[in-house]
């Protein structure tokens, strides 16, 4: 076969997205899915593409904002290329406000949203109306934003794989040979391997659990309440999640997922009788910096790292993909300094 320009190790959202961004630029691609396709944290249920709070602005928040704003067109191009729907919808998000102090804080943050989001999205406080798809709000007030979007994690993986194959890329399930430049997007196990390589802890895995309920709300906004995401999807299910467990013994779902389900039903009573379709658990990659780890692998010429998406990997994926493709194929380094491996190593 023709020479491979870039090999990507890992078929999670970062690996597939980087491969797609390179393929769109005409590169000959090989993706090595050593653990198989549709596995790991990128094969979860939730798929909430939710922005950070628009205050104490920093590099990560700006990078995430840019990625969220490009997401609709980016995922539409993936769908058109491969003919598979990734389940993207800029659905917006509603949050209940607990008390008068929470209402005041939410209103104050509107200025930050106006400054940083501009006219691209709204952040507003509005009265609760008691509608069926509305969270219980002790204060009688809700926060609504129009920037939040949703994506089917598994649908996104299938859509990216289809787009890559349609472009002529080779997708290898199992082990395969590396050619050309090599991008390591190997999830939490990859962070452990990096830690061994450099002799210091650069990150690891955090367990997350979620559930899927049968309830048709596919065009309705997400709900976010006290750290709990409730995300309607196009297939007539609602995902609820997730936990963040640094101390875990098993990768399987356990009793904590039942707590998530109970919390979701308390926040949104219309889910009280909804059938539980699936209970899921997976290990998400979190870098020691708590920011994505992107760029050249120090001391290993021709090798690059794209890892550490943790809970916001799907929202960051378009931005990560385009920045990494620019670095790999055009020599254009637009990566924030805080994300570079050498920055974490120097800390």
C-alpha atoms as a PDB file:
ATOM      1  CA  UNK A   1       0.000   0.000   0.000  1.00  0.00           C
ATOM      2  CA  UNK A   2       1.003   3.651  -0.259  1.00  0.00           C
ATOM      3  CA  UNK A   3       3.329   5.137   2.317  1.00  0.00           C
ATOM      4  CA  UNK A   4       1.686   6.265   5.559  1.00  0.00           C
ATOM      5  CA  UNK A   5       2.292   9.879   6.573  1.00  0.00           C
ATOM      6  CA  UNK A   6       0.905   9.680  10.107  1.00  0.00           C
ATOM      7  CA  UNK A   7       0.103   6.760  12.390  1.00  0.00           C
ATOM      8  CA  UNK A   8      -2.288   7.377  15.268  1.00  0.00           C
ATOM      9  CA  UNK A   9      -2.213   4.963  18.176  1.00  0.00           C
ATOM     10  CA  UNK A  10      -5.577   4.952  19.932  1.00  0.00           C
ATOM     11  CA  UNK A  11      -9.125   5.058  18.614  1.00  0.00           C
ATOM     12  CA  UNK A  12     -10.774   7.203  21.251  1.00  0.00           C
ATOM     13  CA  UNK A  13     -12.177  10.621  20.422  1.00  0.00           C
ATOM     14  CA  UNK A  14      -8.777  12.360  20.462  1.00  0.00           C
ATOM     15  CA  UNK A  15      -7.079   9.743  18.284  1.00  0.00           C
ATOM     16  CA  UNK A  16      -9.864   9.473  15.710  1.00  0.00           C
ATOM     17  CA  UNK A  17     -10.357  13.246  15.583  1.00  0.00           C
ATOM     18  CA  UNK A  18      -6.662  13.951  15.024  1.00  0.00           C
ATOM     19  CA  UNK A  19      -6.589  11.288  12.323  1.00  0.00           C
ATOM     20  CA  UNK A  20      -9.615  12.815  10.596  1.00  0.00           C
ATOM     21  CA  UNK A  21      -8.192  16.351  10.700  1.00  0.00           C
ATOM     22  CA  UNK A  22      -4.982  15.034   9.113  1.00  0.00           C
ATOM     23  CA  UNK A  23      -6.886  13.021   6.493  1.00  0.00           C
ATOM     24  CA  UNK A  24      -8.859  16.128   5.510  1.00  0.00           C
ATOM     25  CA  UNK A  25      -5.531  17.797   4.754  1.00  0.00           C
ATOM     26  CA  UNK A  26      -4.597  14.983   2.389  1.00  0.00           C
ATOM     27  CA  UNK A  27      -2.348  12.940   4.675  1.00  0.00           C
ATOM     28  CA  UNK A  28      -2.242   9.161   4.299  1.00  0.00           C
ATOM     29  CA  UNK A  29      -3.365   7.843   7.658  1.00  0.00           C
ATOM     30  CA  UNK A  30      -3.196   4.680   9.711  1.00  0.00           C
ATOM     31  CA  UNK A  31      -5.105   4.333  12.983  1.00  0.00           C
ATOM     32  CA  UNK A  32      -4.101   1.491  15.303  1.00  0.00           C
ATOM     33  CA  UNK A  33      -6.928   0.521  17.644  1.00  0.00           C
ATOM     34  CA  UNK A  34      -4.996  -1.907  19.818  1.00  0.00           C
ATOM     35  CA  UNK A  35      -7.897  -2.240  22.262  1.00  0.00           C
ATOM     36  CA  UNK A  36     -10.451  -2.394  19.448  1.00  0.00           C
ATOM     37  CA  UNK A  37     -12.952   0.171  18.212  1.00  0.00           C
ATOM     38  CA  UNK A  38     -15.757   1.410  20.441  1.00  0.00           C
ATOM     39  CA  UNK A  39     -13.998   0.738  23.736  1.00  0.00           C
ATOM     40  CA  UNK A  40     -12.709   2.768  26.672  1.00  0.00           C
ATOM     41  CA  UNK A  41     -13.903   6.081  28.026  1.00  0.00           C
ATOM     42  CA  UNK A  42     -14.788   7.420  24.574  1.00  0.00           C
ATOM     43  CA  UNK A  43     -17.478   4.738  24.282  1.00  0.00           C
ATOM     44  CA  UNK A  44     -19.498   6.083  27.190  1.00  0.00           C
ATOM     45  CA  UNK A  45     -23.042   7.411  27.385  1.00  0.00           C
ATOM     46  CA  UNK A  46     -23.140  11.047  28.475  1.00  0.00           C
ATOM     47  CA  UNK A  47     -21.684  13.176  25.654  1.00  0.00           C
ATOM     48  CA  UNK A  48     -22.178  16.569  27.306  1.00  0.00           C
ATOM     49  CA  UNK A  49     -20.279  19.337  25.469  1.00  0.00           C
ATOM     50  CA  UNK A  50     -20.646  21.890  28.231  1.00  0.00           C
ATOM     51  CA  UNK A  51     -18.644  25.113  28.644  1.00  0.00           C
ATOM     52  CA  UNK A  52     -16.764  26.158  31.736  1.00  0.00           C
ATOM     53  CA  UNK A  53     -18.166  28.964  33.863  1.00  0.00           C
ATOM     54  CA  UNK A  54     -17.397  32.281  32.094  1.00  0.00           C
ATOM     55  CA  UNK A  55     -15.251  33.807  34.837  1.00  0.00           C
ATOM     56  CA  UNK A  56     -11.591  33.612  35.929  1.00  0.00           C
ATOM     57  CA  UNK A  57     -10.874  33.232  32.219  1.00  0.00           C
ATOM     58  CA  UNK A  58      -7.817  31.197  31.248  1.00  0.00           C
ATOM     59  CA  UNK A  59      -6.170  29.368  28.351  1.00  0.00           C
ATOM     60  CA  UNK A  60      -8.175  26.166  28.789  1.00  0.00           C
ATOM     61  CA  UNK A  61     -11.505  28.015  28.830  1.00  0.00           C
ATOM     62  CA  UNK A  62     -10.626  29.949  25.671  1.00  0.00           C
ATOM     63  CA  UNK A  63      -9.445  26.810  23.881  1.00  0.00           C
ATOM     64  CA  UNK A  64     -12.623  24.999  24.906  1.00  0.00           C
ATOM     65  CA  UNK A  65     -14.800  27.907  23.763  1.00  0.00           C
ATOM     66  CA  UNK A  66     -13.126  27.990  20.344  1.00  0.00           C
ATOM     67  CA  UNK A  67     -13.599  24.236  20.015  1.00  0.00           C
ATOM     68  CA  UNK A  68     -17.272  24.361  21.030  1.00  0.00           C
ATOM     69  CA  UNK A  69     -17.949  27.117  18.506  1.00  0.00           C
ATOM     70  CA  UNK A  70     -16.383  25.154  15.646  1.00  0.00           C
ATOM     71  CA  UNK A  71     -18.070  21.892  16.677  1.00  0.00           C
ATOM     72  CA  UNK A  72     -21.302  22.119  14.684  1.00  0.00           C
ATOM     73  CA  UNK A  73     -19.608  22.578  11.313  1.00  0.00           C
ATOM     74  CA  UNK A  74     -16.819  20.186  12.210  1.00  0.00           C
ATOM     75  CA  UNK A  75     -19.128  17.301  13.115  1.00  0.00           C
ATOM     76  CA  UNK A  76     -21.349  18.046  10.124  1.00  0.00           C
ATOM     77  CA  UNK A  77     -18.307  17.561   7.872  1.00  0.00           C
ATOM     78  CA  UNK A  78     -17.611  14.222   9.573  1.00  0.00           C
ATOM     79  CA  UNK A  79     -21.202  13.163   8.948  1.00  0.00           C
ATOM     80  CA  UNK A  80     -21.100  14.180   5.302  1.00  0.00           C
ATOM     81  CA  UNK A  81     -17.805  12.397   4.677  1.00  0.00           C
ATOM     82  CA  UNK A  82     -18.768   9.037   6.132  1.00  0.00           C
ATOM     83  CA  UNK A  83     -22.559   9.042   6.078  1.00  0.00           C
ATOM     84  CA  UNK A  84     -22.874   8.281   9.814  1.00  0.00           C
ATOM     85  CA  UNK A  85     -24.603  10.640  12.242  1.00  0.00           C
ATOM     86  CA  UNK A  86     -22.502  11.503  15.326  1.00  0.00           C
ATOM     87  CA  UNK A  87     -25.603  12.717  17.173  1.00  0.00           C
ATOM     88  CA  UNK A  88     -24.498  16.343  17.521  1.00  0.00           C
ATOM     89  CA  UNK A  89     -27.020  18.988  18.609  1.00  0.00           C
ATOM     90  CA  UNK A  90     -26.416  22.375  20.163  1.00  0.00           C
ATOM     91  CA  UNK A  91     -29.206  21.768  22.627  1.00  0.00           C
ATOM     92  CA  UNK A  92     -28.430  24.314  25.331  1.00  0.00           C
ATOM     93  CA  UNK A  93     -28.471  23.631  29.052  1.00  0.00           C
ATOM     94  CA  UNK A  94     -30.675  24.451  32.050  1.00  0.00           C
ATOM     95  CA  UNK A  95     -29.500  24.527  35.659  1.00  0.00           C
ATOM     96  CA  UNK A  96     -31.639  24.910  38.789  1.00  0.00           C
ATOM     97  CA  UNK A  97     -30.517  27.626  41.197  1.00  0.00           C
ATOM     98  CA  UNK A  98     -30.586  26.587  44.837  1.00  0.00           C
ATOM     99  CA  UNK A  99     -31.120  29.900  46.629  1.00  0.00           C
ATOM    100  CA  UNK A 100     -30.929  33.690  46.391  1.00  0.00           C
ATOM    101  CA  UNK A 101     -27.117  33.645  46.563  1.00  0.00           C
ATOM    102  CA  UNK A 102     -26.946  31.247  43.611  1.00  0.00           C
ATOM    103  CA  UNK A 103     -29.313  33.469  41.628  1.00  0.00           C
ATOM    104  CA  UNK A 104     -27.179  36.538  42.340  1.00  0.00           C
ATOM    105  CA  UNK A 105     -23.979  34.716  41.336  1.00  0.00           C
ATOM    106  CA  UNK A 106     -25.542  33.450  38.114  1.00  0.00           C
ATOM    107  CA  UNK A 107     -26.638  36.969  37.190  1.00  0.00           C
ATOM    108  CA  UNK A 108     -23.169  38.324  37.930  1.00  0.00           C
ATOM    109  CA  UNK A 109     -21.626  35.718  35.638  1.00  0.00           C
ATOM    110  CA  UNK A 110     -23.744  36.963  32.753  1.00  0.00           C
ATOM    111  CA  UNK A 111     -21.250  39.805  32.340  1.00  0.00           C
ATOM    112  CA  UNK A 112     -18.442  37.287  31.920  1.00  0.00           C
ATOM    113  CA  UNK A 113     -20.441  35.406  29.309  1.00  0.00           C
ATOM    114  CA  UNK A 114     -21.097  38.601  27.389  1.00  0.00           C
ATOM    115  CA  UNK A 115     -17.407  39.503  27.504  1.00  0.00           C
ATOM    116  CA  UNK A 116     -16.013  36.118  26.488  1.00  0.00           C
ATOM    117  CA  UNK A 117     -18.789  34.499  24.456  1.00  0.00           C
ATOM    118  CA  UNK A 118     -19.885  37.700  22.744  1.00  0.00           C
ATOM    119  CA  UNK A 119     -22.943  37.174  20.565  1.00  0.00           C
ATOM    120  CA  UNK A 120     -22.118  33.519  19.949  1.00  0.00           C
ATOM    121  CA  UNK A 121     -24.254  32.306  22.869  1.00  0.00           C
ATOM    122  CA  UNK A 122     -26.403  33.501  25.766  1.00  0.00           C
ATOM    123  CA  UNK A 123     -26.222  33.020  29.527  1.00  0.00           C
ATOM    124  CA  UNK A 124     -29.387  34.141  31.263  1.00  0.00           C
ATOM    125  CA  UNK A 125     -31.399  33.718  34.463  1.00  0.00           C
ATOM    126  CA  UNK A 126     -35.109  33.092  34.039  1.00  0.00           C
ATOM    127  CA  UNK A 127     -38.053  32.053  36.240  1.00  0.00           C
ATOM    128  CA  UNK A 128     -39.017  28.397  36.493  1.00  0.00           C
ATOM    129  CA  UNK A 129     -42.339  27.581  34.817  1.00  0.00           C
ATOM    130  CA  UNK A 130     -43.021  24.116  36.203  1.00  0.00           C
ATOM    131  CA  UNK A 131     -42.793  22.420  32.801  1.00  0.00           C
ATOM    132  CA  UNK A 132     -42.277  18.667  32.553  1.00  0.00           C
ATOM    133  CA  UNK A 133     -38.699  18.929  31.224  1.00  0.00           C
ATOM    134  CA  UNK A 134     -37.576  21.357  33.883  1.00  0.00           C
ATOM    135  CA  UNK A 135     -35.475  20.583  36.942  1.00  0.00           C
ATOM    136  CA  UNK A 136     -36.795  21.102  40.446  1.00  0.00           C
ATOM    137  CA  UNK A 137     -35.487  24.540  41.493  1.00  0.00           C
ATOM    138  CA  UNK A 138     -35.662  25.489  45.201  1.00  0.00           C
ATOM    139  CA  UNK A 139     -35.238  29.182  44.375  1.00  0.00           C
ATOM    140  CA  UNK A 140     -37.819  29.213  41.589  1.00  0.00           C
ATOM    141  CA  UNK A 141     -35.123  30.387  39.155  1.00  0.00           C
ATOM    142  CA  UNK A 142     -33.169  28.678  36.402  1.00  0.00           C
ATOM    143  CA  UNK A 143     -29.931  29.390  34.585  1.00  0.00           C
ATOM    144  CA  UNK A 144     -30.010  28.762  30.830  1.00  0.00           C
ATOM    145  CA  UNK A 145     -27.122  28.832  28.377  1.00  0.00           C
ATOM    146  CA  UNK A 146     -27.282  28.337  24.618  1.00  0.00           C
ATOM    147  CA  UNK A 147     -23.658  27.233  24.105  1.00  0.00           C
ATOM    148  CA  UNK A 148     -23.892  23.707  25.513  1.00  0.00           C
ATOM    149  CA  UNK A 149     -24.218  20.894  22.974  1.00  0.00           C
ATOM    150  CA  UNK A 150     -24.533  17.130  22.996  1.00  0.00           C
ATOM    151  CA  UNK A 151     -22.888  14.343  21.043  1.00  0.00           C
ATOM    152  CA  UNK A 152     -23.391  10.588  21.060  1.00  0.00           C
ATOM    153  CA  UNK A 153     -20.017   9.218  22.240  1.00  0.00           C
ATOM    154  CA  UNK A 154     -20.477   5.942  20.384  1.00  0.00           C
ATOM    155  CA  UNK A 155     -22.061   7.654  17.398  1.00  0.00           C
ATOM    156  CA  UNK A 156     -19.103  10.031  17.198  1.00  0.00           C
ATOM    157  CA  UNK A 157     -16.683   7.104  17.157  1.00  0.00           C
ATOM    158  CA  UNK A 158     -18.624   5.350  14.405  1.00  0.00           C
ATOM    159  CA  UNK A 159     -18.933   8.568  12.404  1.00  0.00           C
ATOM    160  CA  UNK A 160     -15.210   9.342  12.620  1.00  0.00           C
ATOM    161  CA  UNK A 161     -14.279   5.783  11.691  1.00  0.00           C
ATOM    162  CA  UNK A 162     -16.603   5.881   8.673  1.00  0.00           C
ATOM    163  CA  UNK A 163     -15.231   9.261   7.583  1.00  0.00           C
ATOM    164  CA  UNK A 164     -11.650   8.008   7.888  1.00  0.00           C
ATOM    165  CA  UNK A 165     -12.341   4.889   5.866  1.00  0.00           C
ATOM    166  CA  UNK A 166     -14.136   6.937   3.225  1.00  0.00           C
ATOM    167  CA  UNK A 167     -11.002   9.102   2.977  1.00  0.00           C
ATOM    168  CA  UNK A 168      -8.847   6.035   2.314  1.00  0.00           C
ATOM    169  CA  UNK A 169      -7.364   5.833   5.816  1.00  0.00           C
ATOM    170  CA  UNK A 170      -6.424   2.439   7.206  1.00  0.00           C
ATOM    171  CA  UNK A 171      -8.065   1.543  10.524  1.00  0.00           C
ATOM    172  CA  UNK A 172      -6.401  -1.454  12.159  1.00  0.00           C
ATOM    173  CA  UNK A 173      -8.188  -3.285  14.975  1.00  0.00           C
ATOM    174  CA  UNK A 174      -5.484  -4.866  17.118  1.00  0.00           C
ATOM    175  CA  UNK A 175      -1.765  -4.267  16.804  1.00  0.00           C
ATOM    176  CA  UNK A 176      -0.231  -2.721  13.699  1.00  0.00           C
ATOM    177  CA  UNK A 177       3.010  -1.255  12.452  1.00  0.00           C
ATOM    178  CA  UNK A 178       3.901   2.409  12.867  1.00  0.00           C
ATOM    179  CA  UNK A 179       4.940   4.476   9.854  1.00  0.00           C
ATOM    180  CA  UNK A 180       5.610   8.173   9.464  1.00  0.00           C
ATOM    181  CA  UNK A 181       4.917  10.503  12.337  1.00  0.00           C
ATOM    182  CA  UNK A 182       3.274   8.796  15.312  1.00  0.00           C
ATOM    183  CA  UNK A 183       0.585  10.266  17.558  1.00  0.00           C
ATOM    184  CA  UNK A 184      -0.051   8.547  20.873  1.00  0.00           C
ATOM    185  CA  UNK A 185      -3.676   9.026  21.929  1.00  0.00           C
ATOM    186  CA  UNK A 186      -3.835   5.992  24.169  1.00  0.00           C
ATOM    187  CA  UNK A 187      -6.002   7.086  27.082  1.00  0.00           C
ATOM    188  CA  UNK A 188      -5.338   6.473  30.733  1.00  0.00           C
ATOM    189  CA  UNK A 189      -3.040   3.514  30.061  1.00  0.00           C
ATOM    190  CA  UNK A 190      -1.000   5.832  27.851  1.00  0.00           C
ATOM    191  CA  UNK A 191      -0.643   8.317  30.699  1.00  0.00           C
ATOM    192  CA  UNK A 192       0.696   5.519  32.905  1.00  0.00           C
ATOM    193  CA  UNK A 193       3.136   4.551  30.145  1.00  0.00           C
ATOM    194  CA  UNK A 194       4.276   8.170  29.851  1.00  0.00           C
ATOM    195  CA  UNK A 195       4.780   8.287  33.610  1.00  0.00           C
ATOM    196  CA  UNK A 196       7.012   5.217  33.389  1.00  0.00           C
ATOM    197  CA  UNK A 197       8.924   6.689  30.426  1.00  0.00           C
ATOM    198  CA  UNK A 198       9.708   9.970  32.209  1.00  0.00           C
ATOM    199  CA  UNK A 199      10.014   8.542  35.720  1.00  0.00           C
ATOM    200  CA  UNK A 200       7.361  10.800  37.236  1.00  0.00           C
ATOM    201  CA  UNK A 201       3.605  10.755  37.456  1.00  0.00           C
ATOM    202  CA  UNK A 202       2.100  12.581  34.475  1.00  0.00           C
ATOM    203  CA  UNK A 203      -1.433  11.326  34.937  1.00  0.00           C
ATOM    204  CA  UNK A 204      -3.636   8.291  35.262  1.00  0.00           C
ATOM    205  CA  UNK A 205      -7.188   7.047  35.181  1.00  0.00           C
ATOM    206  CA  UNK A 206     -10.315   8.286  36.935  1.00  0.00           C
ATOM    207  CA  UNK A 207     -13.351   6.034  36.895  1.00  0.00           C
ATOM    208  CA  UNK A 208     -16.668   7.415  35.694  1.00  0.00           C
ATOM    209  CA  UNK A 209     -20.075   5.767  35.829  1.00  0.00           C
ATOM    210  CA  UNK A 210     -23.267   6.644  33.979  1.00  0.00           C
ATOM    211  CA  UNK A 211     -26.647   5.242  32.986  1.00  0.00           C
ATOM    212  CA  UNK A 212     -29.031   5.478  30.064  1.00  0.00           C
ATOM    213  CA  UNK A 213     -32.797   5.772  30.572  1.00  0.00           C
ATOM    214  CA  UNK A 214     -35.550   5.292  27.995  1.00  0.00           C
ATOM    215  CA  UNK A 215     -37.254   8.675  27.644  1.00  0.00           C
ATOM    216  CA  UNK A 216     -37.948  10.639  24.455  1.00  0.00           C
ATOM    217  CA  UNK A 217     -36.596  14.156  24.893  1.00  0.00           C
ATOM    218  CA  UNK A 218     -34.228  14.318  21.929  1.00  0.00           C
ATOM    219  CA  UNK A 219     -34.743  17.975  21.017  1.00  0.00           C
ATOM    220  CA  UNK A 220     -34.784  19.296  24.594  1.00  0.00           C
ATOM    221  CA  UNK A 221     -31.937  20.974  26.500  1.00  0.00           C
ATOM    222  CA  UNK A 222     -29.555  19.260  28.869  1.00  0.00           C
ATOM    223  CA  UNK A 223     -30.023  19.567  32.604  1.00  0.00           C
ATOM    224  CA  UNK A 224     -27.108  20.148  34.956  1.00  0.00           C
ATOM    225  CA  UNK A 225     -27.701  20.006  38.703  1.00  0.00           C
ATOM    226  CA  UNK A 226     -25.093  19.681  41.423  1.00  0.00           C
ATOM    227  CA  UNK A 227     -22.515  17.999  39.227  1.00  0.00           C
ATOM    228  CA  UNK A 228     -25.058  15.695  37.557  1.00  0.00           C
ATOM    229  CA  UNK A 229     -25.500  15.785  33.764  1.00  0.00           C
ATOM    230  CA  UNK A 230     -28.843  14.735  32.284  1.00  0.00           C
ATOM    231  CA  UNK A 231     -28.441  14.592  28.505  1.00  0.00           C
ATOM    232  CA  UNK A 232     -31.194  13.724  25.978  1.00  0.00           C
ATOM    233  CA  UNK A 233     -29.996  11.884  22.885  1.00  0.00           C
ATOM    234  CA  UNK A 234     -31.404  11.417  19.408  1.00  0.00           C
ATOM    235  CA  UNK A 235     -32.184   7.725  19.933  1.00  0.00           C
ATOM    236  CA  UNK A 236     -34.877   8.403  22.536  1.00  0.00           C
ATOM    237  CA  UNK A 237     -32.658   7.837  25.552  1.00  0.00           C
ATOM    238  CA  UNK A 238     -31.467  10.163  28.294  1.00  0.00           C
ATOM    239  CA  UNK A 239     -27.952   9.728  29.693  1.00  0.00           C
ATOM    240  CA  UNK A 240     -27.232  10.555  33.329  1.00  0.00           C
ATOM    241  CA  UNK A 241     -23.767  10.826  34.823  1.00  0.00           C
ATOM    242  CA  UNK A 242     -21.179  10.802  35.886  1.00  0.00           C
ATOM    243  CA  UNK A 243     -19.038   9.944  38.884  1.00  0.00           C
ATOM    244  CA  UNK A 244     -15.355  10.848  39.304  1.00  0.00           C
ATOM    245  CA  UNK A 245     -13.581   8.135  41.265  1.00  0.00           C
ATOM    246  CA  UNK A 246      -9.826   8.378  41.735  1.00  0.00           C
ATOM    247  CA  UNK A 247      -9.779   5.353  44.049  1.00  0.00           C
ATOM    248  CA  UNK A 248     -11.286   2.378  42.237  1.00  0.00           C
ATOM    249  CA  UNK A 249     -10.696  -1.363  42.226  1.00  0.00           C
ATOM    250  CA  UNK A 250     -12.929  -2.515  39.374  1.00  0.00           C
ATOM    251  CA  UNK A 251     -13.763  -1.040  35.992  1.00  0.00           C
ATOM    252  CA  UNK A 252     -17.304  -2.455  36.190  1.00  0.00           C
ATOM    253  CA  UNK A 253     -20.441  -0.476  37.205  1.00  0.00           C
ATOM    254  CA  UNK A 254     -21.313  -0.688  40.891  1.00  0.00           C
ATOM    255  CA  UNK A 255     -23.739   0.768  43.403  1.00  0.00           C
ATOM    256  CA  UNK A 256     -22.725   4.352  42.664  1.00  0.00           C
ATOM    257  CA  UNK A 257     -24.549   4.242  39.340  1.00  0.00           C
ATOM    258  CA  UNK A 258     -27.795   3.540  41.219  1.00  0.00           C
ATOM    259  CA  UNK A 259     -27.226   6.756  43.170  1.00  0.00           C
ATOM    260  CA  UNK A 260     -26.882   8.657  39.891  1.00  0.00           C
ATOM    261  CA  UNK A 261     -30.189   7.261  38.658  1.00  0.00           C
ATOM    262  CA  UNK A 262     -31.952   8.175  41.903  1.00  0.00           C
ATOM    263  CA  UNK A 263     -30.522  11.704  41.809  1.00  0.00           C
ATOM    264  CA  UNK A 264     -31.632  12.192  38.205  1.00  0.00           C
ATOM    265  CA  UNK A 265     -35.180  11.149  39.071  1.00  0.00           C
ATOM    266  CA  UNK A 266     -35.236  13.548  42.008  1.00  0.00           C
ATOM    267  CA  UNK A 267     -33.989  16.442  39.856  1.00  0.00           C
ATOM    268  CA  UNK A 268     -36.342  15.631  36.975  1.00  0.00           C
ATOM    269  CA  UNK A 269     -39.477  13.842  38.228  1.00  0.00           C
ATOM    270  CA  UNK A 270     -40.631  12.981  34.693  1.00  0.00           C
ATOM    271  CA  UNK A 271     -37.867  10.346  34.688  1.00  0.00           C
ATOM    272  CA  UNK A 272     -39.348   8.533  37.695  1.00  0.00           C
ATOM    273  CA  UNK A 273     -40.735   5.627  35.681  1.00  0.00           C
ATOM    274  CA  UNK A 274     -38.171   5.653  32.867  1.00  0.00           C
ATOM    275  CA  UNK A 275     -36.670   2.246  32.099  1.00  0.00           C
ATOM    276  CA  UNK A 276     -32.939   1.862  32.707  1.00  0.00           C
ATOM    277  CA  UNK A 277     -31.491   0.776  29.369  1.00  0.00           C
ATOM    278  CA  UNK A 278     -27.827   0.493  30.351  1.00  0.00           C
ATOM    279  CA  UNK A 279     -25.428   0.982  33.224  1.00  0.00           C
ATOM    280  CA  UNK A 280     -21.878   1.888  32.175  1.00  0.00           C
ATOM    281  CA  UNK A 281     -18.467   2.482  33.701  1.00  0.00           C
ATOM    282  CA  UNK A 282     -15.147   3.442  32.150  1.00  0.00           C
ATOM    283  CA  UNK A 283     -11.763   4.900  33.025  1.00  0.00           C
ATOM    284  CA  UNK A 284     -11.059   8.433  31.794  1.00  0.00           C
ATOM    285  CA  UNK A 285      -7.555   9.856  31.243  1.00  0.00           C
ATOM    286  CA  UNK A 286      -6.656  12.778  33.494  1.00  0.00           C
ATOM    287  CA  UNK A 287      -3.264  14.440  33.170  1.00  0.00           C
ATOM    288  CA  UNK A 288      -1.528  15.593  36.336  1.00  0.00           C
ATOM    289  CA  UNK A 289      -1.959  19.183  35.152  1.00  0.00           C
ATOM    290  CA  UNK A 290      -5.752  18.598  34.803  1.00  0.00           C
ATOM    291  CA  UNK A 291      -5.380  20.019  31.293  1.00  0.00           C
ATOM    292  CA  UNK A 292      -4.976  18.147  28.001  1.00  0.00           C
ATOM    293  CA  UNK A 293      -1.481  16.944  27.197  1.00  0.00           C
ATOM    294  CA  UNK A 294      -0.734  17.888  23.581  1.00  0.00           C
ATOM    295  CA  UNK A 295       2.377  18.238  21.447  1.00  0.00           C
ATOM    296  CA  UNK A 296       5.731  16.685  20.673  1.00  0.00           C
ATOM    297  CA  UNK A 297       6.963  13.853  22.894  1.00  0.00           C
ATOM    298  CA  UNK A 298      10.132  15.271  24.501  1.00  0.00           C
ATOM    299  CA  UNK A 299      13.201  13.233  23.664  1.00  0.00           C
ATOM    300  CA  UNK A 300      11.440  11.021  21.107  1.00  0.00           C
ATOM    301  CA  UNK A 301      11.665  12.619  17.645  1.00  0.00           C
ATOM    302  CA  UNK A 302       8.727  11.985  15.352  1.00  0.00           C
ATOM    303  CA  UNK A 303       6.397  11.040  18.197  1.00  0.00           C
ATOM    304  CA  UNK A 304       3.581  13.187  19.563  1.00  0.00           C
ATOM    305  CA  UNK A 305       1.049  13.039  22.406  1.00  0.00           C
ATOM    306  CA  UNK A 306      -2.691  13.795  22.411  1.00  0.00           C
ATOM    307  CA  UNK A 307      -4.129  12.719  25.732  1.00  0.00           C
ATOM    308  CA  UNK A 308      -5.791  13.843  28.942  1.00  0.00           C
ATOM    309  CA  UNK A 309      -9.251  14.877  27.724  1.00  0.00           C
ATOM    310  CA  UNK A 310     -10.790  13.658  30.993  1.00  0.00           C
ATOM    311  CA  UNK A 311     -14.401  14.911  31.301  1.00  0.00           C
ATOM    312  CA  UNK A 312     -14.273  17.486  28.488  1.00  0.00           C
ATOM    313  CA  UNK A 313     -12.570  15.467  25.763  1.00  0.00           C
ATOM    314  CA  UNK A 314     -15.527  15.458  23.356  1.00  0.00           C
ATOM    315  CA  UNK A 315     -15.910  19.210  23.655  1.00  0.00           C
ATOM    316  CA  UNK A 316     -12.188  19.767  23.077  1.00  0.00           C
ATOM    317  CA  UNK A 317     -11.853  17.238  20.248  1.00  0.00           C
ATOM    318  CA  UNK A 318     -12.338  19.552  17.219  1.00  0.00           C
ATOM    319  CA  UNK A 319      -9.887  22.093  18.601  1.00  0.00           C
ATOM    320  CA  UNK A 320      -7.361  19.423  19.582  1.00  0.00           C
ATOM    321  CA  UNK A 321      -7.652  17.770  16.163  1.00  0.00           C
ATOM    322  CA  UNK A 322      -7.110  20.946  14.169  1.00  0.00           C
ATOM    323  CA  UNK A 323      -4.232  22.150  16.334  1.00  0.00           C
ATOM    324  CA  UNK A 324      -2.457  18.791  16.218  1.00  0.00           C
ATOM    325  CA  UNK A 325      -2.963  18.441  12.452  1.00  0.00           C
ATOM    326  CA  UNK A 326      -1.484  21.907  11.967  1.00  0.00           C
ATOM    327  CA  UNK A 327       1.541  20.919  14.038  1.00  0.00           C
ATOM    328  CA  UNK A 328       2.046  17.547  12.350  1.00  0.00           C
ATOM    329  CA  UNK A 329       1.517  18.505   8.721  1.00  0.00           C
ATOM    330  CA  UNK A 330       2.148  22.225   8.472  1.00  0.00           C
ATOM    331  CA  UNK A 331       4.687  22.865  11.222  1.00  0.00           C
ATOM    332  CA  UNK A 332       2.276  25.400  12.698  1.00  0.00           C
ATOM    333  CA  UNK A 333       2.394  25.297  16.482  1.00  0.00           C
ATOM    334  CA  UNK A 334      -0.754  26.893  17.875  1.00  0.00           C
ATOM    335  CA  UNK A 335      -0.886  24.754  21.009  1.00  0.00           C
ATOM    336  CA  UNK A 336      -1.212  26.648  24.285  1.00  0.00           C
ATOM    337  CA  UNK A 337       1.956  26.538  26.346  1.00  0.00           C
ATOM    338  CA  UNK A 338       0.069  25.055  29.297  1.00  0.00           C
ATOM    339  CA  UNK A 339      -0.859  21.955  27.279  1.00  0.00           C
ATOM    340  CA  UNK A 340       2.643  21.019  26.137  1.00  0.00           C
ATOM    341  CA  UNK A 341       4.289  17.929  27.675  1.00  0.00           C
ATOM    342  CA  UNK A 342       7.486  19.859  28.344  1.00  0.00           C
ATOM    343  CA  UNK A 343       5.491  22.377  30.403  1.00  0.00           C
ATOM    344  CA  UNK A 344       4.127  19.614  32.618  1.00  0.00           C
ATOM    345  CA  UNK A 345       7.580  18.046  32.872  1.00  0.00           C
ATOM    346  CA  UNK A 346       9.067  21.377  33.911  1.00  0.00           C
ATOM    347  CA  UNK A 347       6.486  22.008  36.619  1.00  0.00           C
END
